[in-house]
Amino acid sequence: DHLIAVRVPAETKAAFRAAAERQGLSEAALLKRLLDVALLASTERTDLARCQAPVARDRRLYVRLRLADRRLLSERAEGRDLRPATYVTLLI
């Protein structure tokens, strides 16, 4: 295994620790998830750039969520510093 390290201000470290605790994760586990999301997002952008034709607006997928599910989605997206719609696309 290899190590990735970064120096941050004490406030950032405390906020990151709190975010990990809210999700029931260790700081290392949260960081691994964030790296996975970032790498997946960058890979998907590259794949999307290769698409030959843009997707028409009428070909979008719409999903109805219950209020509780919408709140959970928003919380999880916020915990990953993503917009909810972006987070959903990474899940699908």
Protein backbone atom coordinates (compact mmCIF):
# COMPACT_ATOMS: atom_id res chain seq x y z
CA ASP A 1 0.00 0.00 0.00
CA HIS A 2 1.07 3.55 -0.71
CA LEU A 3 0.53 6.67 1.38
CA ILE A 4 -1.06 9.96 0.33
CA ALA A 5 -0.61 12.76 2.86
CA VAL A 6 -1.56 16.42 2.97
CA ARG A 7 -1.09 19.22 5.50
CA VAL A 8 -4.20 21.21 6.38
CA PRO A 9 -5.12 23.83 8.99
CA ALA A 10 -6.41 22.59 12.35
CA GLU A 11 -9.93 23.79 11.49
CA THR A 12 -9.99 21.72 8.30
CA LYS A 13 -8.76 18.66 10.18
CA ALA A 14 -11.48 19.11 12.82
CA ALA A 15 -14.18 19.57 10.17
CA PHE A 16 -12.95 16.46 8.33
CA ARG A 17 -12.97 14.42 11.54
CA ALA A 18 -16.53 15.60 12.26
CA ALA A 19 -17.65 14.70 8.72
CA ALA A 20 -16.18 11.21 9.10
CA GLU A 21 -17.89 10.73 12.47
CA ARG A 22 -21.26 11.84 11.04
CA GLN A 23 -20.94 9.09 8.46
CA GLY A 24 -19.71 6.53 10.95
CA LEU A 25 -16.33 6.27 9.26
CA SER A 26 -12.73 6.68 10.23
CA GLU A 27 -10.90 9.62 8.68
CA ALA A 28 -8.90 7.21 6.52
CA ALA A 29 -12.05 5.48 5.25
CA LEU A 30 -13.67 8.81 4.38
CA LEU A 31 -10.55 9.95 2.56
CA LYS A 32 -10.46 6.70 0.57
CA ARG A 33 -14.12 7.21 -0.42
CA LEU A 34 -13.44 10.78 -1.49
CA LEU A 35 -10.50 9.65 -3.60
CA ASP A 36 -12.64 6.96 -5.22
CA VAL A 37 -15.37 9.49 -6.03
CA ALA A 38 -12.87 12.00 -7.43
CA LEU A 39 -11.16 9.40 -9.59
CA LEU A 40 -14.46 7.96 -10.78
CA ALA A 41 -15.74 11.44 -11.64
CA SER A 42 -12.59 12.26 -13.64
CA THR A 43 -12.83 8.94 -15.50
CA GLU A 44 -16.49 9.52 -16.31
CA ARG A 45 -15.72 13.02 -17.63
CA THR A 46 -13.14 11.53 -19.95
CA ASP A 47 -15.61 8.87 -21.08
CA LEU A 48 -18.31 11.49 -21.61
CA ALA A 49 -15.97 13.58 -23.73
CA ARG A 50 -15.58 10.60 -26.05
CA CYS A 51 -19.34 10.39 -26.67
CA GLN A 52 -20.13 11.18 -30.27
CA ALA A 53 -23.56 12.78 -29.87
CA PRO A 54 -24.89 14.84 -27.00
CA VAL A 55 -27.83 13.39 -25.12
CA ALA A 56 -31.07 15.20 -25.84
CA ARG A 57 -32.85 16.79 -22.88
CA ASP A 58 -35.84 14.50 -23.36
CA ARG A 59 -33.58 11.47 -22.81
CA ARG A 60 -32.79 12.43 -19.23
CA LEU A 61 -33.81 10.16 -16.41
CA TYR A 62 -36.08 11.55 -13.71
CA VAL A 63 -36.46 9.86 -10.35
CA ARG A 64 -38.93 10.73 -7.60
CA LEU A 65 -37.60 10.50 -4.08
CA ARG A 66 -39.42 10.53 -0.79
CA LEU A 67 -38.59 13.50 1.40
CA ALA A 68 -36.53 11.36 3.79
CA ASP A 69 -34.54 9.86 0.90
CA ARG A 70 -33.98 13.32 -0.57
CA ARG A 71 -32.61 14.54 2.76
CA LEU A 72 -30.32 11.52 3.04
CA LEU A 73 -29.09 12.06 -0.51
CA SER A 74 -28.37 15.72 0.21
CA GLU A 75 -26.50 14.88 3.43
CA ARG A 76 -24.36 12.25 1.77
CA ALA A 77 -23.61 14.48 -1.22
CA GLU A 78 -22.69 17.36 1.08
CA GLY A 79 -20.41 15.03 3.05
CA ARG A 80 -18.56 14.33 -0.18
CA ASP A 81 -18.57 17.99 -1.24
CA LEU A 82 -20.69 17.19 -4.29
CA ARG A 83 -24.00 18.42 -5.64
CA PRO A 84 -26.76 15.83 -5.11
CA ALA A 85 -27.25 15.25 -8.84
CA THR A 86 -23.53 14.64 -9.32
CA TYR A 87 -23.47 12.22 -6.41
CA VAL A 88 -26.43 10.27 -7.83
CA THR A 89 -24.71 9.90 -11.20
CA LEU A 90 -21.72 8.36 -9.44
CA LEU A 91 -23.98 5.86 -7.69
CA ILE A 92 -25.81 4.70 -10.80
